[in-house]
PDB file of N, CA and C in Angstrom:
ATOM      1  N   MET A   1       0.755  -1.225  -0.095  1.00  0.00           N
ATOM      2  CA  MET A   1       0.179  -0.082   0.025  1.00  0.00           C
ATOM      3  C   MET A   1       0.775   1.245  -0.027  1.00  0.00           C
ATOM      4  N   HIS A   2       1.886   1.166   0.588  1.00  0.00           N
ATOM      5  CA  HIS A   2       2.592   2.329   0.980  1.00  0.00           C
ATOM      6  C   HIS A   2       3.433   2.882  -0.391  1.00  0.00           C
ATOM      7  N   ILE A   3       3.708   1.932  -0.964  1.00  0.00           N
ATOM      8  CA  ILE A   3       4.537   2.027  -2.008  1.00  0.00           C
ATOM      9  C   ILE A   3       3.380   2.088  -3.490  1.00  0.00           C
ATOM     10  N   LEU A   4       2.587   1.820  -3.385  1.00  0.00           N
ATOM     11  CA  LEU A   4       1.329   2.557  -4.639  1.00  0.00           C
ATOM     12  C   LEU A   4       1.203   4.058  -4.307  1.00  0.00           C
ATOM     13  N   ALA A   5       0.995   4.579  -2.763  1.00  0.00           N
ATOM     14  CA  ALA A   5       0.722   5.656  -2.587  1.00  0.00           C
ATOM     15  C   ALA A   5       2.224   6.598  -2.761  1.00  0.00           C
ATOM     16  N   CYS A   6       3.155   6.316  -2.866  1.00  0.00           N
ATOM     17  CA  CYS A   6       4.326   6.812  -3.189  1.00  0.00           C
ATOM     18  C   CYS A   6       4.089   6.890  -4.926  1.00  0.00           C
ATOM     19  N   GLN A   7       3.940   5.910  -5.605  1.00  0.00           N
ATOM     20  CA  GLN A   7       3.828   6.117  -6.818  1.00  0.00           C
ATOM     21  C   GLN A   7       2.689   6.798  -7.610  1.00  0.00           C
ATOM     22  N   VAL A   8       1.439   7.034  -6.349  1.00  0.00           N
ATOM     23  CA  VAL A   8       0.709   8.034  -7.026  1.00  0.00           C
ATOM     24  C   VAL A   8       0.689   9.737  -6.750  1.00  0.00           C
ATOM     25  N   TYR A   9       1.556   9.647  -5.774  1.00  0.00           N
ATOM     26  CA  TYR A   9       2.299  10.690  -5.594  1.00  0.00           C
ATOM     27  C   TYR A   9       3.252  11.402  -6.286  1.00  0.00           C
ATOM     28  N   LEU A  10       4.399  10.762  -7.408  1.00  0.00           N
ATOM     29  CA  LEU A  10       4.960  10.528  -8.080  1.00  0.00           C
ATOM     30  C   LEU A  10       4.130  10.872  -9.256  1.00  0.00           C
ATOM     31  N   GLN A  11       3.170  10.403  -9.405  1.00  0.00           N
ATOM     32  CA  GLN A  11       2.336  10.665 -10.791  1.00  0.00           C
ATOM     33  C   GLN A  11       1.533  11.875 -10.794  1.00  0.00           C
ATOM     34  N   HIS A  12       0.939  12.047  -9.777  1.00  0.00           N
ATOM     35  CA  HIS A  12       0.454  13.056  -9.514  1.00  0.00           C
ATOM     36  C   HIS A  12       0.826  14.360  -9.032  1.00  0.00           C
ATOM     37  N   GLY A  13       1.824  14.620  -8.294  1.00  0.00           N
ATOM     38  CA  GLY A  13       2.557  15.450  -7.805  1.00  0.00           C
ATOM     39  C   GLY A  13       2.051  15.787  -6.240  1.00  0.00           C
ATOM     40  N   GLY A  14       2.418  17.020  -5.955  1.00  0.00           N
ATOM     41  CA  GLY A  14       2.552  17.310  -4.379  1.00  0.00           C
ATOM     42  C   GLY A  14       0.737  17.627  -3.995  1.00  0.00           C
ATOM     43  N   HIS A  15       1.268  18.603  -2.967  1.00  0.00           N
ATOM     44  CA  HIS A  15      -0.003  19.125  -2.594  1.00  0.00           C
ATOM     45  C   HIS A  15      -0.793  19.890  -3.222  1.00  0.00           C
ATOM     46  N   ALA A  16      -0.394  20.422  -4.605  1.00  0.00           N
ATOM     47  CA  ALA A  16      -1.269  21.309  -5.342  1.00  0.00           C
ATOM     48  C   ALA A  16      -2.199  20.455  -5.918  1.00  0.00           C
ATOM     49  N   ASN A  17      -2.372  19.320  -6.034  1.00  0.00           N
ATOM     50  CA  ASN A  17      -3.337  18.292  -6.582  1.00  0.00           C
ATOM     51  C   ASN A  17      -4.084  17.467  -5.885  1.00  0.00           C
ATOM     52  N   TRP A  18      -3.474  17.165  -4.610  1.00  0.00           N
ATOM     53  CA  TRP A  18      -4.180  15.987  -3.839  1.00  0.00           C
ATOM     54  C   TRP A  18      -5.343  16.054  -3.547  1.00  0.00           C
ATOM     55  N   ASN A  19      -5.978  16.915  -3.554  1.00  0.00           N
ATOM     56  CA  ASN A  19      -7.621  17.011  -3.195  1.00  0.00           C
ATOM     57  C   ASN A  19      -8.345  16.157  -4.134  1.00  0.00           C
ATOM     58  N   ILE A  20      -8.070  15.675  -5.869  1.00  0.00           N
ATOM     59  CA  ILE A  20      -8.512  14.975  -6.468  1.00  0.00           C
ATOM     60  C   ILE A  20      -8.932  13.412  -5.814  1.00  0.00           C
ATOM     61  N   PHE A  21      -8.101  13.133  -4.757  1.00  0.00           N
ATOM     62  CA  PHE A  21      -8.593  11.945  -3.867  1.00  0.00           C
ATOM     63  C   PHE A  21      -9.260  12.112  -3.189  1.00  0.00           C
ATOM     64  N   LYS A  22      -9.677  13.048  -2.408  1.00  0.00           N
ATOM     65  CA  LYS A  22     -10.569  13.422  -1.394  1.00  0.00           C
ATOM     66  C   LYS A  22     -10.294  13.059   0.117  1.00  0.00           C
ATOM     67  N   TYR A  23      -9.203  12.509  -0.071  1.00  0.00           N
ATOM     68  CA  TYR A  23      -8.907  12.022   1.523  1.00  0.00           C
ATOM     69  C   TYR A  23      -7.691  11.598   1.341  1.00  0.00           C
ATOM     70  N   ASN A  24      -6.949  11.547   2.246  1.00  0.00           N
ATOM     71  CA  ASN A  24      -5.638  10.925   2.673  1.00  0.00           C
ATOM     72  C   ASN A  24      -5.392  10.014   3.915  1.00  0.00           C
ATOM     73  N   GLU A  25      -4.628   9.113   3.592  1.00  0.00           N
ATOM     74  CA  GLU A  25      -4.555   8.027   5.011  1.00  0.00           C
ATOM     75  C   GLU A  25      -3.293   7.762   4.788  1.00  0.00           C
ATOM     76  N   TYR A  26      -2.874   6.942   6.247  1.00  0.00           N
ATOM     77  CA  TYR A  26      -1.463   6.764   6.864  1.00  0.00           C
ATOM     78  C   TYR A  26      -2.108   5.406   7.462  1.00  0.00           C
ATOM     79  N   ILE A  27      -1.904   3.829   7.366  1.00  0.00           N
ATOM     80  CA  ILE A  27      -2.618   2.902   8.267  1.00  0.00           C
ATOM     81  C   ILE A  27      -1.422   2.553   8.833  1.00  0.00           C
ATOM     82  N   VAL A  28      -1.336   2.722  10.101  1.00  0.00           N
ATOM     83  CA  VAL A  28      -0.323   2.143  11.607  1.00  0.00           C
ATOM     84  C   VAL A  28      -1.181   1.112  12.263  1.00  0.00           C
ATOM     85  N   SER A  29       0.144   0.757  13.101  1.00  0.00           N
ATOM     86  CA  SER A  29      -0.224  -0.092  13.920  1.00  0.00           C
ATOM     87  C   SER A  29      -1.028   0.155  15.135  1.00  0.00           C
ATOM     88  N   SER A  30      -2.148  -0.467  15.384  1.00  0.00           N
ATOM     89  CA  SER A  30      -3.482   0.038  16.334  1.00  0.00           C
ATOM     90  C   SER A  30      -2.750  -0.107  17.701  1.00  0.00           C
ATOM     91  N   LEU A  31      -2.011  -1.456  17.826  1.00  0.00           N
ATOM     92  CA  LEU A  31      -1.350  -1.575  19.067  1.00  0.00           C
ATOM     93  C   LEU A  31      -0.175  -0.920  19.547  1.00  0.00           C
ATOM     94  N   ARG A  32       0.629  -0.233  18.692  1.00  0.00           N
ATOM     95  CA  ARG A  32       1.832   0.326  19.037  1.00  0.00           C
ATOM     96  C   ARG A  32       1.160   1.622  19.258  1.00  0.00           C
ATOM     97  N   TRP A  33       0.171   1.974  18.067  1.00  0.00           N
ATOM     98  CA  TRP A  33      -0.670   3.703  18.722  1.00  0.00           C
ATOM     99  C   TRP A  33      -0.997   3.702  20.032  1.00  0.00           C
ATOM    100  N   ASN A  34      -2.040   2.374  20.461  1.00  0.00           N
ATOM    101  CA  ASN A  34      -2.660   2.594  21.533  1.00  0.00           C
ATOM    102  C   ASN A  34      -1.844   2.446  22.794  1.00  0.00           C
ATOM    103  N   ARG A  35      -0.413   1.892  22.624  1.00  0.00           N
ATOM    104  CA  ARG A  35       0.209   1.772  23.769  1.00  0.00           C
ATOM    105  C   ARG A  35       0.959   3.318  23.782  1.00  0.00           C
ATOM    106  N   GLY A  36       0.991   3.895  22.975  1.00  0.00           N
ATOM    107  CA  GLY A  36       2.218   5.248  22.764  1.00  0.00           C
ATOM    108  C   GLY A  36       1.084   6.423  23.401  1.00  0.00           C
ATOM    109  N   LEU A  37      -0.608   6.186  23.489  1.00  0.00           N
ATOM    110  CA  LEU A  37      -1.437   7.282  24.048  1.00  0.00           C
ATOM    111  C   LEU A  37      -1.036   7.627  25.528  1.00  0.00           C
ATOM    112  N   PRO A  38      -1.086   9.031  25.807  1.00  0.00           N
ATOM    113  CA  PRO A  38      -1.607   9.807  24.985  1.00  0.00           C
ATOM    114  C   PRO A  38      -0.479  10.644  24.070  1.00  0.00           C
ATOM    115  N   TRP A  39       0.826  10.170  23.849  1.00  0.00           N
ATOM    116  CA  TRP A  39       1.715  10.705  23.125  1.00  0.00           C
ATOM    117  C   TRP A  39       1.685  10.312  21.940  1.00  0.00           C
ATOM    118  N   THR A  40       0.806   9.752  21.270  1.00  0.00           N
ATOM    119  CA  THR A  40       0.930   9.605  19.807  1.00  0.00           C
ATOM    120  C   THR A  40      -0.192  10.544  19.204  1.00  0.00           C
ATOM    121  N   ILE A  41      -0.809  11.415  19.891  1.00  0.00           N
ATOM    122  CA  ILE A  41      -1.607  12.465  19.299  1.00  0.00           C
ATOM    123  C   ILE A  41      -0.712  13.779  19.645  1.00  0.00           C
ATOM    124  N   GLN A  42      -0.551  14.605  18.310  1.00  0.00           N
ATOM    125  CA  GLN A  42      -0.099  15.755  18.556  1.00  0.00           C
ATOM    126  C   GLN A  42      -1.042  17.175  18.662  1.00  0.00           C
ATOM    127  N   ALA A  43      -1.852  16.944  17.942  1.00  0.00           N
ATOM    128  CA  ALA A  43      -2.958  17.923  17.907  1.00  0.00           C
ATOM    129  C   ALA A  43      -4.495  17.430  17.624  1.00  0.00           C
ATOM    130  N   ILE A  44      -5.519  18.443  17.716  1.00  0.00           N
ATOM    131  CA  ILE A  44      -6.805  17.833  17.217  1.00  0.00           C
ATOM    132  C   ILE A  44      -7.355  19.045  15.813  1.00  0.00           C
ATOM    133  N   PHE A  45      -7.628  18.579  15.160  1.00  0.00           N
ATOM    134  CA  PHE A  45      -7.695  19.353  13.838  1.00  0.00           C
ATOM    135  C   PHE A  45      -9.023  19.269  13.287  1.00  0.00           C
ATOM    136  N   TYR A  46      -9.206  20.942  12.818  1.00  0.00           N
ATOM    137  CA  TYR A  46     -10.758  20.804  11.842  1.00  0.00           C
ATOM    138  C   TYR A  46     -10.343  21.528  10.253  1.00  0.00           C
ATOM    139  N   ILE A  47     -11.017  21.665   9.798  1.00  0.00           N
ATOM    140  CA  ILE A  47     -10.839  22.450   8.533  1.00  0.00           C
ATOM    141  C   ILE A  47     -11.355  24.018   8.949  1.00  0.00           C
ATOM    142  N   CYS A  48     -10.594  24.748   8.723  1.00  0.00           N
ATOM    143  CA  CYS A  48     -10.798  26.170   8.905  1.00  0.00           C
ATOM    144  C   CYS A  48     -11.892  26.669   8.368  1.00  0.00           C
ATOM    145  N   ASN A  49     -12.851  27.798   9.091  1.00  0.00           N
ATOM    146  CA  ASN A  49     -14.189  28.564   8.640  1.00  0.00           C
ATOM    147  C   ASN A  49     -15.201  27.452   8.569  1.00  0.00           C
ATOM    148  N   ASN A  50     -15.017  26.484   9.429  1.00  0.00           N
ATOM    149  CA  ASN A  50     -16.340  25.394   9.461  1.00  0.00           C
ATOM    150  C   ASN A  50     -16.418  25.287  11.324  1.00  0.00           C
ATOM    151  N   ALA A  51     -17.579  26.332  11.457  1.00  0.00           N
ATOM    152  CA  ALA A  51     -17.828  26.164  13.252  1.00  0.00           C
ATOM    153  C   ALA A  51     -18.653  25.085  13.637  1.00  0.00           C
ATOM    154  N   ASP A  52     -19.179  24.029  12.746  1.00  0.00           N
ATOM    155  CA  ASP A  52     -19.829  22.735  13.561  1.00  0.00           C
ATOM    156  C   ASP A  52     -17.972  21.751  13.424  1.00  0.00           C
ATOM    157  N   GLN A  53     -17.132  22.080  12.933  1.00  0.00           N
ATOM    158  CA  GLN A  53     -16.209  21.321  12.731  1.00  0.00           C
ATOM    159  C   GLN A  53     -15.207  21.903  13.999  1.00  0.00           C
ATOM    160  N   ARG A  54     -15.127  22.929  14.162  1.00  0.00           N
ATOM    161  CA  ARG A  54     -14.451  23.495  15.227  1.00  0.00           C
ATOM    162  C   ARG A  54     -14.991  23.098  16.642  1.00  0.00           C
ATOM    163  N   ASN A  55     -16.117  23.405  16.731  1.00  0.00           N
ATOM    164  CA  ASN A  55     -17.024  23.116  17.613  1.00  0.00           C
ATOM    165  C   ASN A  55     -16.727  21.556  18.191  1.00  0.00           C
ATOM    166  N   HIS A  56     -16.769  20.671  17.421  1.00  0.00           N
ATOM    167  CA  HIS A  56     -16.216  19.189  17.539  1.00  0.00           C
ATOM    168  C   HIS A  56     -15.188  19.081  17.814  1.00  0.00           C
ATOM    169  N   ALA A  57     -14.218  19.654  17.199  1.00  0.00           N
ATOM    170  CA  ALA A  57     -12.710  19.392  17.770  1.00  0.00           C
ATOM    171  C   ALA A  57     -12.382  19.781  19.169  1.00  0.00           C
ATOM    172  N   TYR A  58     -12.884  21.047  19.584  1.00  0.00           N
ATOM    173  CA  TYR A  58     -13.041  21.745  20.721  1.00  0.00           C
ATOM    174  C   TYR A  58     -13.610  20.114  21.893  1.00  0.00           C
ATOM    175  N   ARG A  59     -14.803  19.664  21.685  1.00  0.00           N
ATOM    176  CA  ARG A  59     -15.114  18.718  22.267  1.00  0.00           C
ATOM    177  C   ARG A  59     -14.377  17.653  22.545  1.00  0.00           C
ATOM    178  N   THR A  60     -13.636  17.059  21.268  1.00  0.00           N
ATOM    179  CA  THR A  60     -12.922  16.110  21.195  1.00  0.00           C
ATOM    180  C   THR A  60     -11.916  16.330  22.414  1.00  0.00           C
ATOM    181  N   ARG A  61     -11.301  17.625  21.997  1.00  0.00           N
ATOM    182  CA  ARG A  61     -10.407  17.850  22.832  1.00  0.00           C
ATOM    183  C   ARG A  61     -10.366  17.730  24.594  1.00  0.00           C
ATOM    184  N   GLY A  62     -11.661  18.176  24.803  1.00  0.00           N
ATOM    185  CA  GLY A  62     -11.972  18.038  26.124  1.00  0.00           C
ATOM    186  C   GLY A  62     -12.257  16.541  26.628  1.00  0.00           C
ATOM    187  N   ASP A  63     -12.597  15.987  25.806  1.00  0.00           N
ATOM    188  CA  ASP A  63     -13.211  14.707  26.240  1.00  0.00           C
ATOM    189  C   ASP A  63     -11.242  14.041  26.212  1.00  0.00           C
ATOM    190  N   PHE A  64     -10.748  14.232  25.410  1.00  0.00           N
ATOM    191  CA  PHE A  64      -9.367  13.711  25.422  1.00  0.00           C
ATOM    192  C   PHE A  64      -8.540  14.062  26.839  1.00  0.00           C
ATOM    193  N   LEU A  65      -8.671  15.224  26.934  1.00  0.00           N
ATOM    194  CA  LEU A  65      -7.802  15.890  28.408  1.00  0.00           C
ATOM    195  C   LEU A  65      -8.318  15.116  29.396  1.00  0.00           C
ATOM    196  N   ARG A  66      -9.827  14.954  29.441  1.00  0.00           N
ATOM    197  CA  ARG A  66     -10.373  14.231  30.343  1.00  0.00           C
ATOM    198  C   ARG A  66      -9.953  12.994  30.592  1.00  0.00           C
ATOM    199  N   THR A  67      -9.716  11.964  29.777  1.00  0.00           N
ATOM    200  CA  THR A  67      -9.362  10.996  29.682  1.00  0.00           C
ATOM    201  C   THR A  67      -7.852  10.711  30.199  1.00  0.00           C
ATOM    202  N   TYR A  68      -6.638  11.658  29.664  1.00  0.00           N
ATOM    203  CA  TYR A  68      -5.665  11.739  30.148  1.00  0.00           C
ATOM    204  C   TYR A  68      -5.251  12.754  30.977  1.00  0.00           C
ATOM    205  N   ALA A  69      -5.754  12.568  32.145  1.00  0.00           N
ATOM    206  CA  ALA A  69      -5.798  13.906  33.253  1.00  0.00           C
ATOM    207  C   ALA A  69      -4.136  14.236  33.300  1.00  0.00           C
ATOM    208  N   GLU A  70      -3.469  13.447  33.169  1.00  0.00           N
ATOM    209  CA  GLU A  70      -2.035  13.391  33.253  1.00  0.00           C
ATOM    210  C   GLU A  70      -1.323  14.437  32.310  1.00  0.00           C
ATOM    211  N   LEU A  71      -2.072  14.421  31.008  1.00  0.00           N
ATOM    212  CA  LEU A  71      -1.770  15.356  30.168  1.00  0.00           C
ATOM    213  C   LEU A  71      -1.752  16.492  30.114  1.00  0.00           C
ATOM    214  N   GLU A  72      -0.433  17.893  30.119  1.00  0.00           N
ATOM    215  CA  GLU A  72      -0.490  19.248  29.906  1.00  0.00           C
ATOM    216  C   GLU A  72      -1.474  19.647  28.779  1.00  0.00           C
ATOM    217  N   SER A  73      -2.360  20.716  28.778  1.00  0.00           N
ATOM    218  CA  SER A  73      -3.579  21.009  28.146  1.00  0.00           C
ATOM    219  C   SER A  73      -2.387  21.750  26.720  1.00  0.00           C
ATOM    220  N   TRP A  74      -1.410  22.089  27.072  1.00  0.00           N
ATOM    221  CA  TRP A  74      -0.758  22.703  25.641  1.00  0.00           C
ATOM    222  C   TRP A  74      -0.049  21.473  25.053  1.00  0.00           C
ATOM    223  N   ARG A  75      -0.280  20.463  25.433  1.00  0.00           N
ATOM    224  CA  ARG A  75       0.201  19.092  24.460  1.00  0.00           C
ATOM    225  C   ARG A  75      -0.709  18.726  23.491  1.00  0.00           C
ATOM    226  N   ALA A  76      -1.963  19.584  23.665  1.00  0.00           N
ATOM    227  CA  ALA A  76      -3.116  18.591  23.049  1.00  0.00           C
ATOM    228  C   ALA A  76      -3.670  19.851  22.251  1.00  0.00           C
ATOM    229  N   PRO A  77      -2.871  20.967  21.648  1.00  0.00           N
ATOM    230  CA  PRO A  77      -3.631  22.142  21.267  1.00  0.00           C
ATOM    231  C   PRO A  77      -4.727  21.800  19.650  1.00  0.00           C
ATOM    232  N   VAL A  78      -5.685  22.667  19.594  1.00  0.00           N
ATOM    233  CA  VAL A  78      -6.800  22.493  18.310  1.00  0.00           C
ATOM    234  C   VAL A  78      -6.294  23.296  17.330  1.00  0.00           C
ATOM    235  N   VAL A  79      -5.859  22.560  16.133  1.00  0.00           N
ATOM    236  CA  VAL A  79      -5.552  23.528  15.230  1.00  0.00           C
ATOM    237  C   VAL A  79      -6.286  23.601  13.955  1.00  0.00           C
ATOM    238  N   CYS A  80      -6.501  24.441  12.923  1.00  0.00           N
ATOM    239  CA  CYS A  80      -7.350  24.274  12.006  1.00  0.00           C
ATOM    240  C   CYS A  80      -6.481  24.194  10.864  1.00  0.00           C
ATOM    241  N   LEU A  81      -7.117  23.492   9.805  1.00  0.00           N
ATOM    242  CA  LEU A  81      -6.305  23.161   8.748  1.00  0.00           C
ATOM    243  C   LEU A  81      -6.803  24.261   7.209  1.00  0.00           C
ATOM    244  N   ASP A  82      -5.990  24.984   7.202  1.00  0.00           N
ATOM    245  CA  ASP A  82      -6.671  26.055   5.653  1.00  0.00           C
ATOM    246  C   ASP A  82      -6.017  25.160   4.739  1.00  0.00           C
ATOM    247  N   GLN A  83      -7.028  24.729   3.848  1.00  0.00           N
ATOM    248  CA  GLN A  83      -6.791  24.077   2.658  1.00  0.00           C
ATOM    249  C   GLN A  83      -6.353  24.916   1.321  1.00  0.00           C
ATOM    250  N   ASN A  84      -6.431  26.218   1.674  1.00  0.00           N
ATOM    251  CA  ASN A  84      -5.915  26.866   1.023  1.00  0.00           C
ATOM    252  C   ASN A  84      -4.388  27.782   0.552  1.00  0.00           C
ATOM    253  N   ASN A  85      -3.827  27.210   1.689  1.00  0.00           N
ATOM    254  CA  ASN A  85      -2.575  27.500   2.049  1.00  0.00           C
ATOM    255  C   ASN A  85      -1.834  26.711   2.484  1.00  0.00           C
ATOM    256  N   TRP A  86      -0.907  26.181   1.209  1.00  0.00           N
ATOM    257  CA  TRP A  86      -0.123  24.695   1.751  1.00  0.00           C
ATOM    258  C   TRP A  86       1.077  25.260   2.307  1.00  0.00           C
ATOM    259  N   GLY A  87       1.702  26.537   2.274  1.00  0.00           N
ATOM    260  CA  GLY A  87       2.704  26.775   2.708  1.00  0.00           C
ATOM    261  C   GLY A  87       2.959  26.887   4.139  1.00  0.00           C
ATOM    262  N   THR A  88       1.465  27.151   4.888  1.00  0.00           N
ATOM    263  CA  THR A  88       1.600  27.020   6.215  1.00  0.00           C
ATOM    264  C   THR A  88       0.317  26.542   6.578  1.00  0.00           C
ATOM    265  N   PRO A  89      -0.249  25.691   6.243  1.00  0.00           N
ATOM    266  CA  PRO A  89      -1.492  24.933   6.533  1.00  0.00           C
ATOM    267  C   PRO A  89      -2.415  24.945   7.735  1.00  0.00           C
ATOM    268  N   PHE A  90      -1.495  24.819   9.010  1.00  0.00           N
ATOM    269  CA  PHE A  90      -1.760  24.636  10.095  1.00  0.00           C
ATOM    270  C   PHE A  90      -1.979  25.893  10.940  1.00  0.00           C
ATOM    271  N   ARG A  91      -2.668  26.297  11.713  1.00  0.00           N
ATOM    272  CA  ARG A  91      -2.574  27.387  12.596  1.00  0.00           C
ATOM    273  C   ARG A  91      -3.502  27.155  14.297  1.00  0.00           C
ATOM    274  N   LEU A  92      -3.265  27.906  15.364  1.00  0.00           N
ATOM    275  CA  LEU A  92      -3.696  27.673  16.390  1.00  0.00           C
ATOM    276  C   LEU A  92      -5.510  27.941  15.968  1.00  0.00           C
ATOM    277  N   GLY A  93      -6.478  26.860  16.408  1.00  0.00           N
ATOM    278  CA  GLY A  93      -7.659  27.281  16.066  1.00  0.00           C
ATOM    279  C   GLY A  93      -8.369  28.239  17.194  1.00  0.00           C
TER     280      GLY A  93
END
């Protein structure tokens, strides 16, 4: 699967036209991922200018911080993804 993704990237290019696929995924080992929680989460994101997604992201962050009470809140920021700015696509939400 990873080799196919690389071939598609090489054929179609990078971020300028990635959206023709409508999604992007990377599959990881869930056992390893879960063992690393909460440290495997670096941020909670939503698409910029979408109030519903923003609200959902903040609720998800609240649930996450309650579940992992030992985690300092600054370690799980909420960021928005600006799909029109691939130079700096993330900013604090």
